[in-house]
Structures are given as structure tokens and as C-alpha cells.
Amino acid sequence: MVNGYSSINLTKLDVLDVFDEIRVAVSYTIDGKVVTSFPADLDDLATASVNYVTLPGWNQSIRKCRSFDELPENCQKYVRFIENDIGVPVKWIGTGAARDDMISM
């Protein structure tokens, strides 16, 4: 659980529509040690390197999608990766700029 949250709103997912690959930061390496939280100390932050997982993009618009099943397969995998990585379920997904461009899970 992240900061006591029981679910999250994954906003602006549509801005990732155009990428062949999506790099997700999953940890940092500081002085040879892998840490999974953002470095709070400025000196640590200055020397930290980011560790990424690269996921395939979906290269198509999700703006008209109104259910999880309508999302491209790689987009669904991205959402599930985020849920598994942070340990919190996604309850809403923003698929566009309009107020009703939202999927409720």
C-alpha cells in the first residue's frame, strides 16, 4: 500500500499512446545499493541512478475506450504492471482530456 491509499486514479494515460516503449522507474541505485523509494536526501539524490523496466507501448489512441477490455493489450499490461509494482489497485483510468474520458474499474 502506498501512503495508505486503497486505490489510485491513473490520469493522462492517453499521453503514452504514441510511444513504442515506455520506461518505468522502479528503483534507484545509490552507492551501490538499490533503494525502492525516492531519495529524500539531496546528496543521495545527486548521486542516484534510476533503474527502469521497459514495457512495450501500444501506439494507438485510447481516447474512445470506455472499459478496461477496450484498451489495447499492451496498455492493459502497463496498468497491471503499475498495480503490481506499487501494490495498489487502479480504480480509475483517464483516457483523454474530456471529463467523461474515464474508465472506472
PDB file of N, CA and C in Angstrom:
ATOM      1  N   MET A   1       0.852  -1.182   0.000  1.00  0.00           N
ATOM      2  CA  MET A   1       0.000   0.000   0.000  1.00  0.00           C
ATOM      3  C   MET A   1       0.899   1.246   0.000  1.00  0.00           C
ATOM      4  N   VAL A   2       0.559   2.219  -0.800  1.00  0.00           N
ATOM      5  CA  VAL A   2       1.321   3.451  -0.905  1.00  0.00           C
ATOM      6  C   VAL A   2       0.638   4.536  -0.089  1.00  0.00           C
ATOM      7  N   ASN A   3       1.314   5.058   0.914  1.00  0.00           N
ATOM      8  CA  ASN A   3       0.800   6.159   1.734  1.00  0.00           C
ATOM      9  C   ASN A   3      -0.614   5.926   2.247  1.00  0.00           C
ATOM     10  N   GLY A   4      -0.997   4.677   2.464  1.00  0.00           N
ATOM     11  CA  GLY A   4      -2.311   4.373   2.985  1.00  0.00           C
ATOM     12  C   GLY A   4      -3.428   4.366   1.961  1.00  0.00           C
ATOM     13  N   TYR A   5      -3.097   4.542   0.693  1.00  0.00           N
ATOM     14  CA  TYR A   5      -4.124   4.563  -0.354  1.00  0.00           C
ATOM     15  C   TYR A   5      -4.637   3.150  -0.611  1.00  0.00           C
ATOM     16  N   SER A   6      -5.931   3.036  -0.828  1.00  0.00           N
ATOM     17  CA  SER A   6      -6.517   1.730  -1.151  1.00  0.00           C
ATOM     18  C   SER A   6      -6.749   1.583  -2.658  1.00  0.00           C
ATOM     19  N   SER A   7      -6.616   2.670  -3.413  1.00  0.00           N
ATOM     20  CA  SER A   7      -6.717   2.648  -4.873  1.00  0.00           C
ATOM     21  C   SER A   7      -6.137   3.945  -5.414  1.00  0.00           C
ATOM     22  N   ILE A   8      -5.861   3.958  -6.736  1.00  0.00           N
ATOM     23  CA  ILE A   8      -5.335   5.177  -7.360  1.00  0.00           C
ATOM     24  C   ILE A   8      -6.117   5.508  -8.627  1.00  0.00           C
ATOM     25  N   ASN A   9      -5.975   6.753  -9.047  1.00  0.00           N
ATOM     26  CA  ASN A   9      -6.505   7.244 -10.310  1.00  0.00           C
ATOM     27  C   ASN A   9      -5.307   7.414 -11.238  1.00  0.00           C
ATOM     28  N   LEU A  10      -5.246   6.628 -12.287  1.00  0.00           N
ATOM     29  CA  LEU A  10      -4.153   6.702 -13.255  1.00  0.00           C
ATOM     30  C   LEU A  10      -4.562   7.692 -14.340  1.00  0.00           C
ATOM     31  N   THR A  11      -4.139   8.932 -14.185  1.00  0.00           N
ATOM     32  CA  THR A  11      -4.565  10.003 -15.085  1.00  0.00           C
ATOM     33  C   THR A  11      -3.642  10.116 -16.291  1.00  0.00           C
ATOM     34  N   LYS A  12      -4.158  10.734 -17.349  1.00  0.00           N
ATOM     35  CA  LYS A  12      -3.382  11.078 -18.545  1.00  0.00           C
ATOM     36  C   LYS A  12      -2.709   9.883 -19.203  1.00  0.00           C
ATOM     37  N   LEU A  13      -3.324   8.709 -19.098  1.00  0.00           N
ATOM     38  CA  LEU A  13      -2.738   7.536 -19.732  1.00  0.00           C
ATOM     39  C   LEU A  13      -2.652   7.706 -21.244  1.00  0.00           C
ATOM     40  N   ASP A  14      -3.540   8.525 -21.797  1.00  0.00           N
ATOM     41  CA  ASP A  14      -3.562   8.749 -23.248  1.00  0.00           C
ATOM     42  C   ASP A  14      -2.297   9.426 -23.775  1.00  0.00           C
ATOM     43  N   VAL A  15      -1.554  10.124 -22.952  1.00  0.00           N
ATOM     44  CA  VAL A  15      -0.340  10.786 -23.447  1.00  0.00           C
ATOM     45  C   VAL A  15       0.746   9.765 -23.791  1.00  0.00           C
ATOM     46  N   LEU A  16       0.572   8.519 -23.367  1.00  0.00           N
ATOM     47  CA  LEU A  16       1.545   7.473 -23.681  1.00  0.00           C
ATOM     48  C   LEU A  16       1.209   6.731 -24.969  1.00  0.00           C
ATOM     49  N   ASP A  17       0.118   7.134 -25.624  1.00  0.00           N
ATOM     50  CA  ASP A  17      -0.356   6.448 -26.831  1.00  0.00           C
ATOM     51  C   ASP A  17       0.664   6.381 -27.966  1.00  0.00           C
ATOM     52  N   VAL A  18       1.603   7.282 -28.011  1.00  0.00           N
ATOM     53  CA  VAL A  18       2.484   7.425 -29.174  1.00  0.00           C
ATOM     54  C   VAL A  18       3.862   6.787 -29.008  1.00  0.00           C
ATOM     55  N   PHE A  19       4.114   6.149 -27.899  1.00  0.00           N
ATOM     56  CA  PHE A  19       5.453   5.626 -27.638  1.00  0.00           C
ATOM     57  C   PHE A  19       5.574   4.149 -28.012  1.00  0.00           C
ATOM     58  N   ASP A  20       6.707   3.795 -28.638  1.00  0.00           N
ATOM     59  CA  ASP A  20       6.996   2.398 -28.945  1.00  0.00           C
ATOM     60  C   ASP A  20       7.318   1.616 -27.675  1.00  0.00           C
ATOM     61  N   GLU A  21       7.989   2.299 -26.752  1.00  0.00           N
ATOM     62  CA  GLU A  21       8.352   1.699 -25.467  1.00  0.00           C
ATOM     63  C   GLU A  21       8.066   2.709 -24.365  1.00  0.00           C
ATOM     64  N   ILE A  22       7.785   2.186 -23.185  1.00  0.00           N
ATOM     65  CA  ILE A  22       7.539   3.044 -22.027  1.00  0.00           C
ATOM     66  C   ILE A  22       8.473   2.591 -20.913  1.00  0.00           C
ATOM     67  N   ARG A  23       9.322   3.496 -20.488  1.00  0.00           N
ATOM     68  CA  ARG A  23      10.254   3.198 -19.394  1.00  0.00           C
ATOM     69  C   ARG A  23       9.620   3.621 -18.074  1.00  0.00           C
ATOM     70  N   VAL A  24       9.603   2.680 -17.136  1.00  0.00           N
ATOM     71  CA  VAL A  24       9.021   2.928 -15.820  1.00  0.00           C
ATOM     72  C   VAL A  24      10.134   2.835 -14.790  1.00  0.00           C
ATOM     73  N   ALA A  25      10.331   3.909 -14.034  1.00  0.00           N
ATOM     74  CA  ALA A  25      11.331   3.894 -12.961  1.00  0.00           C
ATOM     75  C   ALA A  25      10.815   3.008 -11.830  1.00  0.00           C
ATOM     76  N   VAL A  26      11.642   2.036 -11.417  1.00  0.00           N
ATOM     77  CA  VAL A  26      11.212   1.103 -10.376  1.00  0.00           C
ATOM     78  C   VAL A  26      12.081   1.157  -9.122  1.00  0.00           C
ATOM     79  N   SER A  27      13.275   1.739  -9.249  1.00  0.00           N
ATOM     80  CA  SER A  27      14.158   1.858  -8.086  1.00  0.00           C
ATOM     81  C   SER A  27      15.304   2.804  -8.436  1.00  0.00           C
ATOM     82  N   TYR A  28      16.164   3.011  -7.449  1.00  0.00           N
ATOM     83  CA  TYR A  28      17.341   3.860  -7.614  1.00  0.00           C
ATOM     84  C   TYR A  28      18.541   3.102  -7.072  1.00  0.00           C
ATOM     85  N   THR A  29      19.711   3.386  -7.628  1.00  0.00           N
ATOM     86  CA  THR A  29      20.942   2.841  -7.077  1.00  0.00           C
ATOM     87  C   THR A  29      21.742   4.001  -6.502  1.00  0.00           C
ATOM     88  N   ILE A  30      22.064   3.883  -5.227  1.00  0.00           N
ATOM     89  CA  ILE A  30      22.827   4.911  -4.514  1.00  0.00           C
ATOM     90  C   ILE A  30      23.977   4.217  -3.803  1.00  0.00           C
ATOM     91  N   ASP A  31      25.190   4.609  -4.142  1.00  0.00           N
ATOM     92  CA  ASP A  31      26.392   4.000  -3.554  1.00  0.00           C
ATOM     93  C   ASP A  31      26.350   2.481  -3.639  1.00  0.00           C
ATOM     94  N   GLY A  32      25.909   1.957  -4.780  1.00  0.00           N
ATOM     95  CA  GLY A  32      25.886   0.521  -4.988  1.00  0.00           C
ATOM     96  C   GLY A  32      24.707  -0.212  -4.372  1.00  0.00           C
ATOM     97  N   LYS A  33      23.841   0.509  -3.651  1.00  0.00           N
ATOM     98  CA  LYS A  33      22.680  -0.122  -3.027  1.00  0.00           C
ATOM     99  C   LYS A  33      21.414   0.254  -3.783  1.00  0.00           C
ATOM    100  N   VAL A  34      20.559  -0.728  -4.009  1.00  0.00           N
ATOM    101  CA  VAL A  34      19.280  -0.474  -4.668  1.00  0.00           C
ATOM    102  C   VAL A  34      18.255  -0.079  -3.607  1.00  0.00           C
ATOM    103  N   VAL A  35      17.594   1.061  -3.848  1.00  0.00           N
ATOM    104  CA  VAL A  35      16.525   1.526  -2.948  1.00  0.00           C
ATOM    105  C   VAL A  35      15.257   1.713  -3.775  1.00  0.00           C
ATOM    106  N   THR A  36      14.119   1.382  -3.193  1.00  0.00           N
ATOM    107  CA  THR A  36      12.869   1.432  -3.947  1.00  0.00           C
ATOM    108  C   THR A  36      12.054   2.685  -3.680  1.00  0.00           C
ATOM    109  N   SER A  37      12.530   3.552  -2.796  1.00  0.00           N
ATOM    110  CA  SER A  37      11.812   4.805  -2.558  1.00  0.00           C
ATOM    111  C   SER A  37      12.644   5.981  -3.073  1.00  0.00           C
ATOM    112  N   PHE A  38      11.951   7.079  -3.367  1.00  0.00           N
ATOM    113  CA  PHE A  38      12.628   8.267  -3.884  1.00  0.00           C
ATOM    114  C   PHE A  38      13.622   8.785  -2.854  1.00  0.00           C
ATOM    115  N   PRO A  39      14.856   9.087  -3.262  1.00  0.00           N
ATOM    116  CA  PRO A  39      15.866   9.575  -2.315  1.00  0.00           C
ATOM    117  C   PRO A  39      15.446  10.900  -1.674  1.00  0.00           C
ATOM    118  N   ALA A  40      15.339  10.901  -0.365  1.00  0.00           N
ATOM    119  CA  ALA A  40      14.923  12.101   0.360  1.00  0.00           C
ATOM    120  C   ALA A  40      16.094  13.043   0.630  1.00  0.00           C
ATOM    121  N   ASP A  41      17.280  12.504   0.682  1.00  0.00           N
ATOM    122  CA  ASP A  41      18.477  13.305   0.955  1.00  0.00           C
ATOM    123  C   ASP A  41      19.010  13.863  -0.362  1.00  0.00           C
ATOM    124  N   LEU A  42      19.270  15.167  -0.408  1.00  0.00           N
ATOM    125  CA  LEU A  42      19.742  15.807  -1.638  1.00  0.00           C
ATOM    126  C   LEU A  42      21.091  15.262  -2.108  1.00  0.00           C
ATOM    127  N   ASP A  43      21.966  14.918  -1.180  1.00  0.00           N
ATOM    128  CA  ASP A  43      23.254  14.342  -1.569  1.00  0.00           C
ATOM    129  C   ASP A  43      23.057  12.969  -2.204  1.00  0.00           C
ATOM    130  N   ASP A  44      22.150  12.164  -1.650  1.00  0.00           N
ATOM    131  CA  ASP A  44      21.834  10.865  -2.248  1.00  0.00           C
ATOM    132  C   ASP A  44      21.202  11.051  -3.626  1.00  0.00           C
ATOM    133  N   LEU A  45      20.304  12.002  -3.727  1.00  0.00           N
ATOM    134  CA  LEU A  45      19.632  12.255  -4.997  1.00  0.00           C
ATOM    135  C   LEU A  45      20.632  12.648  -6.084  1.00  0.00           C
ATOM    136  N   ALA A  46      21.627  13.432  -5.709  1.00  0.00           N
ATOM    137  CA  ALA A  46      22.624  13.904  -6.672  1.00  0.00           C
ATOM    138  C   ALA A  46      23.453  12.751  -7.251  1.00  0.00           C
ATOM    139  N   THR A  47      23.620  11.673  -6.502  1.00  0.00           N
ATOM    140  CA  THR A  47      24.436  10.558  -6.969  1.00  0.00           C
ATOM    141  C   THR A  47      23.606   9.347  -7.405  1.00  0.00           C
ATOM    142  N   ALA A  48      22.311   9.435  -7.266  1.00  0.00           N
ATOM    143  CA  ALA A  48      21.440   8.296  -7.586  1.00  0.00           C
ATOM    144  C   ALA A  48      21.347   8.065  -9.090  1.00  0.00           C
ATOM    145  N   SER A  49      21.271   6.810  -9.449  1.00  0.00           N
ATOM    146  CA  SER A  49      20.939   6.463 -10.832  1.00  0.00           C
ATOM    147  C   SER A  49      19.606   5.722 -10.799  1.00  0.00           C
ATOM    148  N   VAL A  50      18.818   5.937 -11.829  1.00  0.00           N
ATOM    149  CA  VAL A  50      17.472   5.380 -11.890  1.00  0.00           C
ATOM    150  C   VAL A  50      17.506   4.026 -12.582  1.00  0.00           C
ATOM    151  N   ASN A  51      16.779   3.076 -12.032  1.00  0.00           N
ATOM    152  CA  ASN A  51      16.641   1.751 -12.627  1.00  0.00           C
ATOM    153  C   ASN A  51      15.246   1.653 -13.250  1.00  0.00           C
ATOM    154  N   TYR A  52      15.213   1.260 -14.511  1.00  0.00           N
ATOM    155  CA  TYR A  52      13.968   1.225 -15.274  1.00  0.00           C
ATOM    156  C   TYR A  52      13.588  -0.186 -15.675  1.00  0.00           C
ATOM    157  N   VAL A  53      12.294  -0.376 -15.855  1.00  0.00           N
ATOM    158  CA  VAL A  53      11.751  -1.527 -16.569  1.00  0.00           C
ATOM    159  C   VAL A  53      11.158  -0.947 -17.840  1.00  0.00           C
ATOM    160  N   THR A  54      11.462  -1.556 -18.974  1.00  0.00           N
ATOM    161  CA  THR A  54      10.941  -1.083 -20.252  1.00  0.00           C
ATOM    162  C   THR A  54       9.792  -1.981 -20.689  1.00  0.00           C
ATOM    163  N   LEU A  55       8.643  -1.351 -20.922  1.00  0.00           N
ATOM    164  CA  LEU A  55       7.444  -2.058 -21.353  1.00  0.00           C
ATOM    165  C   LEU A  55       7.110  -1.654 -22.783  1.00  0.00           C
ATOM    166  N   PRO A  56       6.466  -2.541 -23.543  1.00  0.00           N
ATOM    167  CA  PRO A  56       6.082  -2.169 -24.909  1.00  0.00           C
ATOM    168  C   PRO A  56       4.941  -1.161 -24.901  1.00  0.00           C
ATOM    169  N   GLY A  57       4.997  -0.194 -25.807  1.00  0.00           N
ATOM    170  CA  GLY A  57       3.905   0.764 -25.957  1.00  0.00           C
ATOM    171  C   GLY A  57       2.762   0.139 -26.744  1.00  0.00           C
ATOM    172  N   TRP A  58       1.716   0.950 -26.969  1.00  0.00           N
ATOM    173  CA  TRP A  58       0.564   0.410 -27.699  1.00  0.00           C
ATOM    174  C   TRP A  58       0.290   1.167 -28.997  1.00  0.00           C
ATOM    175  N   ASN A  59       0.901   2.298 -29.204  1.00  0.00           N
ATOM    176  CA  ASN A  59       0.843   3.023 -30.475  1.00  0.00           C
ATOM    177  C   ASN A  59      -0.542   3.155 -31.101  1.00  0.00           C
ATOM    178  N   GLN A  60      -1.534   3.393 -30.292  1.00  0.00           N
ATOM    179  CA  GLN A  60      -2.873   3.686 -30.798  1.00  0.00           C
ATOM    180  C   GLN A  60      -3.633   4.469 -29.742  1.00  0.00           C
ATOM    181  N   SER A  61      -4.591   5.226 -30.182  1.00  0.00           N
ATOM    182  CA  SER A  61      -5.354   6.082 -29.292  1.00  0.00           C
ATOM    183  C   SER A  61      -6.267   5.265 -28.381  1.00  0.00           C
ATOM    184  N   ILE A  62      -6.316   5.672 -27.118  1.00  0.00           N
ATOM    185  CA  ILE A  62      -7.237   5.042 -26.164  1.00  0.00           C
ATOM    186  C   ILE A  62      -8.383   5.990 -25.800  1.00  0.00           C
ATOM    187  N   ARG A  63      -8.471   7.140 -26.466  1.00  0.00           N
ATOM    188  CA  ARG A  63      -9.429   8.177 -26.096  1.00  0.00           C
ATOM    189  C   ARG A  63     -10.883   7.748 -26.160  1.00  0.00           C
ATOM    190  N   LYS A  64     -11.208   6.810 -26.993  1.00  0.00           N
ATOM    191  CA  LYS A  64     -12.608   6.371 -27.103  1.00  0.00           C
ATOM    192  C   LYS A  64     -12.908   5.140 -26.246  1.00  0.00           C
ATOM    193  N   CYS A  65     -11.894   4.609 -25.567  1.00  0.00           N
ATOM    194  CA  CYS A  65     -12.096   3.425 -24.726  1.00  0.00           C
ATOM    195  C   CYS A  65     -12.910   3.793 -23.485  1.00  0.00           C
ATOM    196  N   ARG A  66     -13.889   2.960 -23.176  1.00  0.00           N
ATOM    197  CA  ARG A  66     -14.751   3.216 -22.019  1.00  0.00           C
ATOM    198  C   ARG A  66     -14.786   2.046 -21.047  1.00  0.00           C
ATOM    199  N   SER A  67     -14.015   1.004 -21.355  1.00  0.00           N
ATOM    200  CA  SER A  67     -13.877  -0.115 -20.423  1.00  0.00           C
ATOM    201  C   SER A  67     -12.444  -0.629 -20.511  1.00  0.00           C
ATOM    202  N   PHE A  68     -12.011  -1.309 -19.466  1.00  0.00           N
ATOM    203  CA  PHE A  68     -10.664  -1.847 -19.432  1.00  0.00           C
ATOM    204  C   PHE A  68     -10.429  -2.804 -20.606  1.00  0.00           C
ATOM    205  N   ASP A  69     -11.415  -3.605 -20.921  1.00  0.00           N
ATOM    206  CA  ASP A  69     -11.292  -4.582 -22.006  1.00  0.00           C
ATOM    207  C   ASP A  69     -11.121  -3.936 -23.373  1.00  0.00           C
ATOM    208  N   GLU A  70     -11.545  -2.681 -23.532  1.00  0.00           N
ATOM    209  CA  GLU A  70     -11.380  -1.973 -24.803  1.00  0.00           C
ATOM    210  C   GLU A  70      -9.962  -1.436 -24.989  1.00  0.00           C
ATOM    211  N   LEU A  71      -9.196  -1.351 -23.930  1.00  0.00           N
ATOM    212  CA  LEU A  71      -7.822  -0.859 -24.028  1.00  0.00           C
ATOM    213  C   LEU A  71      -6.962  -1.862 -24.797  1.00  0.00           C
ATOM    214  N   PRO A  72      -5.973  -1.372 -25.555  1.00  0.00           N
ATOM    215  CA  PRO A  72      -5.044  -2.285 -26.232  1.00  0.00           C
ATOM    216  C   PRO A  72      -4.355  -3.195 -25.210  1.00  0.00           C
ATOM    217  N   GLU A  73      -3.971  -4.369 -25.647  1.00  0.00           N
ATOM    218  CA  GLU A  73      -3.372  -5.357 -24.740  1.00  0.00           C
ATOM    219  C   GLU A  73      -2.167  -4.806 -23.982  1.00  0.00           C
ATOM    220  N   ASN A  74      -1.258  -4.110 -24.682  1.00  0.00           N
ATOM    221  CA  ASN A  74      -0.071  -3.576 -24.005  1.00  0.00           C
ATOM    222  C   ASN A  74      -0.426  -2.490 -23.005  1.00  0.00           C
ATOM    223  N   CYS A  75      -1.490  -1.763 -23.248  1.00  0.00           N
ATOM    224  CA  CYS A  75      -1.960  -0.757 -22.299  1.00  0.00           C
ATOM    225  C   CYS A  75      -2.489  -1.445 -21.040  1.00  0.00           C
ATOM    226  N   GLN A  76      -3.240  -2.518 -21.226  1.00  0.00           N
ATOM    227  CA  GLN A  76      -3.727  -3.289 -20.084  1.00  0.00           C
ATOM    228  C   GLN A  76      -2.558  -3.836 -19.267  1.00  0.00           C
ATOM    229  N   LYS A  77      -1.536  -4.333 -19.959  1.00  0.00           N
ATOM    230  CA  LYS A  77      -0.356  -4.862 -19.267  1.00  0.00           C
ATOM    231  C   LYS A  77       0.364  -3.765 -18.484  1.00  0.00           C
ATOM    232  N   TYR A  78       0.413  -2.555 -19.051  1.00  0.00           N
ATOM    233  CA  TYR A  78       1.024  -1.421 -18.364  1.00  0.00           C
ATOM    234  C   TYR A  78       0.268  -1.123 -17.065  1.00  0.00           C
ATOM    235  N   VAL A  79      -1.056  -1.059 -17.142  1.00  0.00           N
ATOM    236  CA  VAL A  79      -1.869  -0.787 -15.954  1.00  0.00           C
ATOM    237  C   VAL A  79      -1.635  -1.858 -14.895  1.00  0.00           C
ATOM    238  N   ARG A  80      -1.633  -3.123 -15.293  1.00  0.00           N
ATOM    239  CA  ARG A  80      -1.404  -4.226 -14.347  1.00  0.00           C
ATOM    240  C   ARG A  80       0.005  -4.168 -13.757  1.00  0.00           C
ATOM    241  N   PHE A  81       0.981  -3.749 -14.570  1.00  0.00           N
ATOM    242  CA  PHE A  81       2.342  -3.596 -14.049  1.00  0.00           C
ATOM    243  C   PHE A  81       2.373  -2.543 -12.946  1.00  0.00           C
ATOM    244  N   ILE A  82       1.736  -1.408 -13.187  1.00  0.00           N
ATOM    245  CA  ILE A  82       1.700  -0.337 -12.188  1.00  0.00           C
ATOM    246  C   ILE A  82       1.051  -0.845 -10.907  1.00  0.00           C
ATOM    247  N   GLU A  83      -0.079  -1.521 -11.036  1.00  0.00           N
ATOM    248  CA  GLU A  83      -0.766  -2.063  -9.854  1.00  0.00           C
ATOM    249  C   GLU A  83       0.147  -3.007  -9.071  1.00  0.00           C
ATOM    250  N   ASN A  84       0.786  -3.929  -9.778  1.00  0.00           N
ATOM    251  CA  ASN A  84       1.658  -4.899  -9.111  1.00  0.00           C
ATOM    252  C   ASN A  84       2.878  -4.241  -8.492  1.00  0.00           C
ATOM    253  N   ASP A  85       3.436  -3.247  -9.180  1.00  0.00           N
ATOM    254  CA  ASP A  85       4.650  -2.600  -8.683  1.00  0.00           C
ATOM    255  C   ASP A  85       4.394  -1.783  -7.426  1.00  0.00           C
ATOM    256  N   ILE A  86       3.293  -1.059  -7.374  1.00  0.00           N
ATOM    257  CA  ILE A  86       3.032  -0.220  -6.201  1.00  0.00           C
ATOM    258  C   ILE A  86       2.157  -0.916  -5.161  1.00  0.00           C
ATOM    259  N   GLY A  87       1.541  -2.045  -5.528  1.00  0.00           N
ATOM    260  CA  GLY A  87       0.742  -2.791  -4.571  1.00  0.00           C
ATOM    261  C   GLY A  87      -0.604  -2.168  -4.259  1.00  0.00           C
ATOM    262  N   VAL A  88      -1.093  -1.346  -5.183  1.00  0.00           N
ATOM    263  CA  VAL A  88      -2.382  -0.664  -5.009  1.00  0.00           C
ATOM    264  C   VAL A  88      -3.163  -0.791  -6.312  1.00  0.00           C
ATOM    265  N   PRO A  89      -4.445  -1.154  -6.244  1.00  0.00           N
ATOM    266  CA  PRO A  89      -5.211  -1.278  -7.480  1.00  0.00           C
ATOM    267  C   PRO A  89      -5.536   0.072  -8.119  1.00  0.00           C
ATOM    268  N   VAL A  90      -5.622   0.070  -9.443  1.00  0.00           N
ATOM    269  CA  VAL A  90      -6.075   1.237 -10.194  1.00  0.00           C
ATOM    270  C   VAL A  90      -7.602   1.176 -10.225  1.00  0.00           C
ATOM    271  N   LYS A  91      -8.250   2.230  -9.768  1.00  0.00           N
ATOM    272  CA  LYS A  91      -9.718   2.260  -9.772  1.00  0.00           C
ATOM    273  C   LYS A  91     -10.271   3.068 -10.942  1.00  0.00           C
ATOM    274  N   TRP A  92      -9.516   4.090 -11.378  1.00  0.00           N
ATOM    275  CA  TRP A  92      -9.949   4.926 -12.492  1.00  0.00           C
ATOM    276  C   TRP A  92      -8.771   5.121 -13.437  1.00  0.00           C
ATOM    277  N   ILE A  93      -9.088   5.212 -14.737  1.00  0.00           N
ATOM    278  CA  ILE A  93      -8.064   5.449 -15.758  1.00  0.00           C
ATOM    279  C   ILE A  93      -8.533   6.605 -16.631  1.00  0.00           C
ATOM    280  N   GLY A  94      -7.729   7.671 -16.681  1.00  0.00           N
ATOM    281  CA  GLY A  94      -8.018   8.799 -17.560  1.00  0.00           C
ATOM    282  C   GLY A  94      -7.558   8.489 -18.969  1.00  0.00           C
ATOM    283  N   THR A  95      -8.485   8.565 -19.938  1.00  0.00           N
ATOM    284  CA  THR A  95      -8.160   8.205 -21.320  1.00  0.00           C
ATOM    285  C   THR A  95      -8.191   9.386 -22.285  1.00  0.00           C
ATOM    286  N   GLY A  96      -8.404  10.583 -21.781  1.00  0.00           N
ATOM    287  CA  GLY A  96      -8.456  11.763 -22.639  1.00  0.00           C
ATOM    288  C   GLY A  96      -8.680  13.017 -21.823  1.00  0.00           C
ATOM    289  N   ALA A  97      -8.860  14.140 -22.527  1.00  0.00           N
ATOM    290  CA  ALA A  97      -8.981  15.439 -21.877  1.00  0.00           C
ATOM    291  C   ALA A  97     -10.387  15.749 -21.363  1.00  0.00           C
ATOM    292  N   ALA A  98     -11.391  15.127 -21.946  1.00  0.00           N
ATOM    293  CA  ALA A  98     -12.768  15.429 -21.550  1.00  0.00           C
ATOM    294  C   ALA A  98     -13.088  14.801 -20.193  1.00  0.00           C
ATOM    295  N   ARG A  99     -14.046  15.390 -19.525  1.00  0.00           N
ATOM    296  CA  ARG A  99     -14.425  14.934 -18.206  1.00  0.00           C
ATOM    297  C   ARG A  99     -14.908  13.485 -18.190  1.00  0.00           C
ATOM    298  N   ASP A 100     -15.557  13.065 -19.242  1.00  0.00           N
ATOM    299  CA  ASP A 100     -16.070  11.700 -19.291  1.00  0.00           C
ATOM    300  C   ASP A 100     -15.080  10.716 -19.930  1.00  0.00           C
ATOM    301  N   ASP A 101     -13.877  11.158 -20.209  1.00  0.00           N
ATOM    302  CA  ASP A 101     -12.831  10.257 -20.725  1.00  0.00           C
ATOM    303  C   ASP A 101     -12.199   9.518 -19.555  1.00  0.00           C
ATOM    304  N   MET A 102     -12.977   8.652 -18.937  1.00  0.00           N
ATOM    305  CA  MET A 102     -12.556   7.973 -17.727  1.00  0.00           C
ATOM    306  C   MET A 102     -13.112   6.569 -17.721  1.00  0.00           C
ATOM    307  N   ILE A 103     -12.266   5.622 -17.368  1.00  0.00           N
ATOM    308  CA  ILE A 103     -12.682   4.241 -17.186  1.00  0.00           C
ATOM    309  C   ILE A 103     -12.735   3.994 -15.681  1.00  0.00           C
ATOM    310  N   SER A 104     -13.852   3.467 -15.218  1.00  0.00           N
ATOM    311  CA  SER A 104     -13.977   3.071 -13.822  1.00  0.00           C
ATOM    312  C   SER A 104     -13.808   1.560 -13.761  1.00  0.00           C
ATOM    313  N   MET A 105     -12.869   1.129 -12.962  1.00  0.00           N
ATOM    314  CA  MET A 105     -12.560  -0.308 -12.879  1.00  0.00           C
ATOM    315  C   MET A 105     -13.452  -1.012 -11.876  1.00  0.00           C
TER     316      MET A 105
END
